[in-house]
C-alpha atoms as a PDB file:
ATOM      1  CA  UNK A   1      -0.160   0.151  -0.118  1.00  0.00           C
ATOM      2  CA  UNK A   2       1.183   3.763  -0.682  1.00  0.00           C
ATOM      3  CA  UNK A   3       1.955   5.356   2.332  1.00  0.00           C
ATOM      4  CA  UNK A   4       1.663   8.934   0.768  1.00  0.00           C
ATOM      5  CA  UNK A   5       1.296   9.989   4.525  1.00  0.00           C
ATOM      6  CA  UNK A   6       4.804   9.579   4.694  1.00  0.00           C
ATOM      7  CA  UNK A   7       5.769  11.158   2.052  1.00  0.00           C
ATOM      8  CA  UNK A   8       3.597  14.348   2.962  1.00  0.00           C
ATOM      9  CA  UNK A   9       4.348  17.534   4.461  1.00  0.00           C
ATOM     10  CA  UNK A  10       2.337  18.865   7.512  1.00  0.00           C
ATOM     11  CA  UNK A  11       2.259  22.494   8.155  1.00  0.00           C
ATOM     12  CA  UNK A  12      -0.492  25.102   9.173  1.00  0.00           C
ATOM     13  CA  UNK A  13      -3.167  25.886   7.044  1.00  0.00           C
ATOM     14  CA  UNK A  14      -2.957  29.627   5.638  1.00  0.00           C
ATOM     15  CA  UNK A  15      -5.773  31.650   3.794  1.00  0.00           C
ATOM     16  CA  UNK A  16      -4.264  30.447   0.332  1.00  0.00           C
ATOM     17  CA  UNK A  17      -5.224  26.831   1.372  1.00  0.00           C
ATOM     18  CA  UNK A  18      -8.650  27.695   2.144  1.00  0.00           C
ATOM     19  CA  UNK A  19     -10.391  26.371  -1.234  1.00  0.00           C
ATOM     20  CA  UNK A  20      -8.546  22.940  -1.143  1.00  0.00           C
ATOM     21  CA  UNK A  21      -9.741  22.497   2.410  1.00  0.00           C
ATOM     22  CA  UNK A  22     -13.025  23.061   1.860  1.00  0.00           C
ATOM     23  CA  UNK A  23     -12.813  20.835  -0.689  1.00  0.00           C
ATOM     24  CA  UNK A  24     -11.674  18.009   1.709  1.00  0.00           C
ATOM     25  CA  UNK A  25     -14.431  18.915   4.150  1.00  0.00           C
ATOM     26  CA  UNK A  26     -17.352  18.413   1.540  1.00  0.00           C
ATOM     27  CA  UNK A  27     -15.488  15.125   0.514  1.00  0.00           C
ATOM     28  CA  UNK A  28     -14.895  13.777   4.147  1.00  0.00           C
ATOM     29  CA  UNK A  29     -18.863  14.942   5.134  1.00  0.00           C
ATOM     30  CA  UNK A  30     -19.832  12.376   2.234  1.00  0.00           C
ATOM     31  CA  UNK A  31     -17.922   9.567   4.605  1.00  0.00           C
ATOM     32  CA  UNK A  32     -21.312   9.510   6.805  1.00  0.00           C
ATOM     33  CA  UNK A  33     -18.556   9.705   9.945  1.00  0.00           C
ATOM     34  CA  UNK A  34     -18.604  13.373  10.340  1.00  0.00           C
ATOM     35  CA  UNK A  35     -20.736  15.586  12.293  1.00  0.00           C
ATOM     36  CA  UNK A  36     -21.969  17.730   9.687  1.00  0.00           C
ATOM     37  CA  UNK A  37     -23.855  15.478   6.844  1.00  0.00           C
ATOM     38  CA  UNK A  38     -23.249  15.456   3.733  1.00  0.00           C
ATOM     39  CA  UNK A  39     -23.590  19.131   2.020  1.00  0.00           C
ATOM     40  CA  UNK A  40     -25.283  20.672   5.174  1.00  0.00           C
ATOM     41  CA  UNK A  41     -21.866  22.879   5.948  1.00  0.00           C
ATOM     42  CA  UNK A  42     -22.229  26.247   4.003  1.00  0.00           C
ATOM     43  CA  UNK A  43     -18.695  27.613   4.500  1.00  0.00           C
ATOM     44  CA  UNK A  44     -17.565  30.609   2.719  1.00  0.00           C
ATOM     45  CA  UNK A  45     -13.937  30.757   1.763  1.00  0.00           C
ATOM     46  CA  UNK A  46     -14.237  33.968   3.381  1.00  0.00           C
ATOM     47  CA  UNK A  47     -15.093  32.634   6.774  1.00  0.00           C
ATOM     48  CA  UNK A  48     -12.570  29.544   6.608  1.00  0.00           C
ATOM     49  CA  UNK A  49      -9.880  31.916   6.240  1.00  0.00           C
ATOM     50  CA  UNK A  50     -10.998  34.179   9.107  1.00  0.00           C
ATOM     51  CA  UNK A  51     -11.402  30.277  10.966  1.00  0.00           C
ATOM     52  CA  UNK A  52      -7.825  29.601  10.194  1.00  0.00           C
ATOM     53  CA  UNK A  53      -6.442  32.857  11.080  1.00  0.00           C
ATOM     54  CA  UNK A  54      -8.135  33.039  14.758  1.00  0.00           C
ATOM     55  CA  UNK A  55      -7.301  29.286  15.196  1.00  0.00           C
ATOM     56  CA  UNK A  56      -3.031  29.876  14.289  1.00  0.00           C
ATOM     57  CA  UNK A  57      -2.986  33.380  16.230  1.00  0.00           C
ATOM     58  CA  UNK A  58      -4.311  31.059  19.313  1.00  0.00           C
ATOM     59  CA  UNK A  59      -0.571  29.722  20.856  1.00  0.00           C
ATOM     60  CA  UNK A  60      -1.975  26.493  22.067  1.00  0.00           C
ATOM     61  CA  UNK A  61      -4.425  25.833  18.807  1.00  0.00           C
ATOM     62  CA  UNK A  62      -3.538  25.104  15.402  1.00  0.00           C
ATOM     63  CA  UNK A  63      -5.215  24.436  12.014  1.00  0.00           C
ATOM     64  CA  UNK A  64      -2.979  21.987  10.165  1.00  0.00           C
ATOM     65  CA  UNK A  65      -2.869  20.783   6.716  1.00  0.00           C
ATOM     66  CA  UNK A  66      -1.175  17.769   5.086  1.00  0.00           C
ATOM     67  CA  UNK A  67      -0.455  18.099   1.603  1.00  0.00           C
ATOM     68  CA  UNK A  68       1.667  16.148  -0.707  1.00  0.00           C
ATOM     69  CA  UNK A  69       3.035  17.884  -4.220  1.00  0.00           C
ATOM     70  CA  UNK A  70       0.919  20.919  -3.389  1.00  0.00           C
ATOM     71  CA  UNK A  71      -2.537  19.233  -3.063  1.00  0.00           C
ATOM     72  CA  UNK A  72      -3.989  18.779   0.333  1.00  0.00           C
ATOM     73  CA  UNK A  73      -4.852  15.409   1.571  1.00  0.00           C
ATOM     74  CA  UNK A  74      -6.500  16.271   5.117  1.00  0.00           C
ATOM     75  CA  UNK A  75      -6.736  18.393   7.919  1.00  0.00           C
ATOM     76  CA  UNK A  76      -6.740  18.647  11.839  1.00  0.00           C
ATOM     77  CA  UNK A  77      -7.969  21.548  13.629  1.00  0.00           C
ATOM     78  CA  UNK A  78      -6.939  21.504  17.196  1.00  0.00           C
ATOM     79  CA  UNK A  79      -8.586  24.128  19.469  1.00  0.00           C
ATOM     80  CA  UNK A  80      -7.611  24.610  22.929  1.00  0.00           C
ATOM     81  CA  UNK A  81     -10.110  25.653  25.563  1.00  0.00           C
ATOM     82  CA  UNK A  82      -9.771  29.524  27.168  1.00  0.00           C
ATOM     83  CA  UNK A  83     -10.795  29.181  30.582  1.00  0.00           C
ATOM     84  CA  UNK A  84      -7.771  29.169  33.212  1.00  0.00           C
ATOM     85  CA  UNK A  85      -9.040  25.926  34.763  1.00  0.00           C
ATOM     86  CA  UNK A  86      -9.794  23.996  30.921  1.00  0.00           C
ATOM     87  CA  UNK A  87      -7.062  25.755  29.268  1.00  0.00           C
ATOM     88  CA  UNK A  88      -4.590  22.854  29.580  1.00  0.00           C
ATOM     89  CA  UNK A  89      -7.057  20.785  27.094  1.00  0.00           C
ATOM     90  CA  UNK A  90      -7.874  20.758  23.281  1.00  0.00           C
ATOM     91  CA  UNK A  91     -10.692  19.616  21.459  1.00  0.00           C
ATOM     92  CA  UNK A  92      -9.554  17.956  17.755  1.00  0.00           C
ATOM     93  CA  UNK A  93     -11.727  17.468  14.350  1.00  0.00           C
ATOM     94  CA  UNK A  94      -9.989  15.919  11.737  1.00  0.00           C
ATOM     95  CA  UNK A  95     -10.759  14.988   8.483  1.00  0.00           C
ATOM     96  CA  UNK A  96      -9.082  13.249   5.337  1.00  0.00           C
ATOM     97  CA  UNK A  97      -9.821  13.090   1.536  1.00  0.00           C
ATOM     98  CA  UNK A  98     -11.809   9.537   0.765  1.00  0.00           C
ATOM     99  CA  UNK A  99      -8.641   8.900  -2.015  1.00  0.00           C
ATOM    100  CA  UNK A 100      -6.097   9.382   0.908  1.00  0.00           C
ATOM    101  CA  UNK A 101      -7.803   7.589   3.811  1.00  0.00           C
ATOM    102  CA  UNK A 102      -5.703   4.160   5.012  1.00  0.00           C
ATOM    103  CA  UNK A 103      -2.471   5.743   3.480  1.00  0.00           C
ATOM    104  CA  UNK A 104      -0.858   6.897   6.796  1.00  0.00           C
ATOM    105  CA  UNK A 105      -2.276  10.817   6.202  1.00  0.00           C
ATOM    106  CA  UNK A 106      -3.848  11.015   9.520  1.00  0.00           C
ATOM    107  CA  UNK A 107      -0.836   8.953  11.271  1.00  0.00           C
ATOM    108  CA  UNK A 108       1.109  12.062   9.899  1.00  0.00           C
ATOM    109  CA  UNK A 109      -1.524  14.395  10.918  1.00  0.00           C
ATOM    110  CA  UNK A 110      -1.811  13.381  14.617  1.00  0.00           C
ATOM    111  CA  UNK A 111       2.108  12.576  14.940  1.00  0.00           C
ATOM    112  CA  UNK A 112       2.951  15.993  14.081  1.00  0.00           C
ATOM    113  CA  UNK A 113       0.355  17.838  16.073  1.00  0.00           C
ATOM    114  CA  UNK A 114       0.955  15.792  19.135  1.00  0.00           C
ATOM    115  CA  UNK A 115       4.246  16.967  19.203  1.00  0.00           C
ATOM    116  CA  UNK A 116       3.437  20.510  18.346  1.00  0.00           C
ATOM    117  CA  UNK A 117       0.758  20.103  21.297  1.00  0.00           C
ATOM    118  CA  UNK A 118       3.847  18.754  23.824  1.00  0.00           C
ATOM    119  CA  UNK A 119       6.336  22.146  22.977  1.00  0.00           C
ATOM    120  CA  UNK A 120       2.899  24.177  24.289  1.00  0.00           C
ATOM    121  CA  UNK A 121       0.798  24.769  27.526  1.00  0.00           C
ATOM    122  CA  UNK A 122      -1.470  21.533  26.344  1.00  0.00           C
ATOM    123  CA  UNK A 123      -2.063  18.286  28.617  1.00  0.00           C
ATOM    124  CA  UNK A 124      -4.701  16.855  27.487  1.00  0.00           C
ATOM    125  CA  UNK A 125      -6.591  16.573  23.860  1.00  0.00           C
ATOM    126  CA  UNK A 126      -9.995  15.223  23.404  1.00  0.00           C
ATOM    127  CA  UNK A 127     -12.125  13.916  20.491  1.00  0.00           C
ATOM    128  CA  UNK A 128     -15.366  12.276  19.475  1.00  0.00           C
ATOM    129  CA  UNK A 129     -15.622   9.377  17.203  1.00  0.00           C
ATOM    130  CA  UNK A 130     -18.450   7.634  16.141  1.00  0.00           C
ATOM    131  CA  UNK A 131     -18.397   4.203  17.740  1.00  0.00           C
ATOM    132  CA  UNK A 132     -18.562   2.195  14.486  1.00  0.00           C
ATOM    133  CA  UNK A 133     -15.944   4.084  12.205  1.00  0.00           C
ATOM    134  CA  UNK A 134     -13.390   1.320  13.456  1.00  0.00           C
ATOM    135  CA  UNK A 135     -10.728   3.086  10.756  1.00  0.00           C
ATOM    136  CA  UNK A 136     -10.654   6.044  13.184  1.00  0.00           C
ATOM    137  CA  UNK A 137     -11.131   4.573  16.154  1.00  0.00           C
ATOM    138  CA  UNK A 138      -7.699   2.370  14.878  1.00  0.00           C
ATOM    139  CA  UNK A 139      -6.232   5.401  14.245  1.00  0.00           C
ATOM    140  CA  UNK A 140      -6.642   7.350  17.724  1.00  0.00           C
ATOM    141  CA  UNK A 141      -5.943   4.266  19.766  1.00  0.00           C
ATOM    142  CA  UNK A 142      -2.531   3.780  17.522  1.00  0.00           C
ATOM    143  CA  UNK A 143      -1.680   7.144  17.910  1.00  0.00           C
ATOM    144  CA  UNK A 144      -2.147   6.698  22.103  1.00  0.00           C
ATOM    145  CA  UNK A 145      -5.953   7.952  22.850  1.00  0.00           C
ATOM    146  CA  UNK A 146      -7.877   6.082  25.053  1.00  0.00           C
ATOM    147  CA  UNK A 147     -11.712   5.421  25.237  1.00  0.00           C
ATOM    148  CA  UNK A 148     -13.200   7.494  28.195  1.00  0.00           C
ATOM    149  CA  UNK A 149     -16.695   7.052  27.962  1.00  0.00           C
ATOM    150  CA  UNK A 150     -19.651   7.013  25.551  1.00  0.00           C
ATOM    151  CA  UNK A 151     -22.318   9.263  24.485  1.00  0.00           C
ATOM    152  CA  UNK A 152     -25.341   6.856  23.602  1.00  0.00           C
ATOM    153  CA  UNK A 153     -27.562   7.778  21.043  1.00  0.00           C
ATOM    154  CA  UNK A 154     -25.806  11.009  20.385  1.00  0.00           C
ATOM    155  CA  UNK A 155     -26.134  11.442  16.599  1.00  0.00           C
ATOM    156  CA  UNK A 156     -28.913  11.050  13.861  1.00  0.00           C
ATOM    157  CA  UNK A 157     -27.786   9.739  10.726  1.00  0.00           C
ATOM    158  CA  UNK A 158     -29.836   8.467   8.367  1.00  0.00           C
ATOM    159  CA  UNK A 159     -33.179   8.135  10.759  1.00  0.00           C
ATOM    160  CA  UNK A 160     -30.586   5.873  12.734  1.00  0.00           C
ATOM    161  CA  UNK A 161     -29.467   6.869  16.218  1.00  0.00           C
ATOM    162  CA  UNK A 162     -25.579   6.170  16.304  1.00  0.00           C
ATOM    163  CA  UNK A 163     -23.232   6.153  19.826  1.00  0.00           C
ATOM    164  CA  UNK A 164     -19.948   8.312  19.940  1.00  0.00           C
ATOM    165  CA  UNK A 165     -17.037   7.554  21.929  1.00  0.00           C
ATOM    166  CA  UNK A 166     -15.316  10.137  24.136  1.00  0.00           C
ATOM    167  CA  UNK A 167     -11.577   9.834  23.734  1.00  0.00           C
ATOM    168  CA  UNK A 168      -8.659  11.407  24.926  1.00  0.00           C
ATOM    169  CA  UNK A 169      -5.099  11.426  25.022  1.00  0.00           C
ATOM    170  CA  UNK A 170      -2.455  12.886  28.108  1.00  0.00           C
ATOM    171  CA  UNK A 171       0.783  14.337  27.081  1.00  0.00           C
END
């Protein structure tokens, strides 16, 4: 299997990346495993540019992308909490283009983000994942995340209630 993730560059996103990031988001949402249903997100490029700038200006937050040969393959959004009692933790949202899944892109994004987060003031990384998204759960466990709980019937997808797992990693 071609591990394109090993050849990809992971870096912070910038405004010039917005159209490609939106395309990856749209593709990832077709999987049925994202919080947004297919075609439900209606984010304009200007709004995404503003979000990228806002996230990247916060010292403990980052909007990262994985790219190979100038093509964005996936993104990872790390958003730190702002209250003093919770500022040591951050939430993660991630999406990988369907043609790049299973090829190391998610691993590359997480490895970069974890190293980056360790250099800051973060101590706890958190995410939720649809329970039956086995590929993602496997990735998160491989990267050191542990299941901390279950959100029963937390999402309604195609008329069916599905569970989410709470997962976290301590740095």
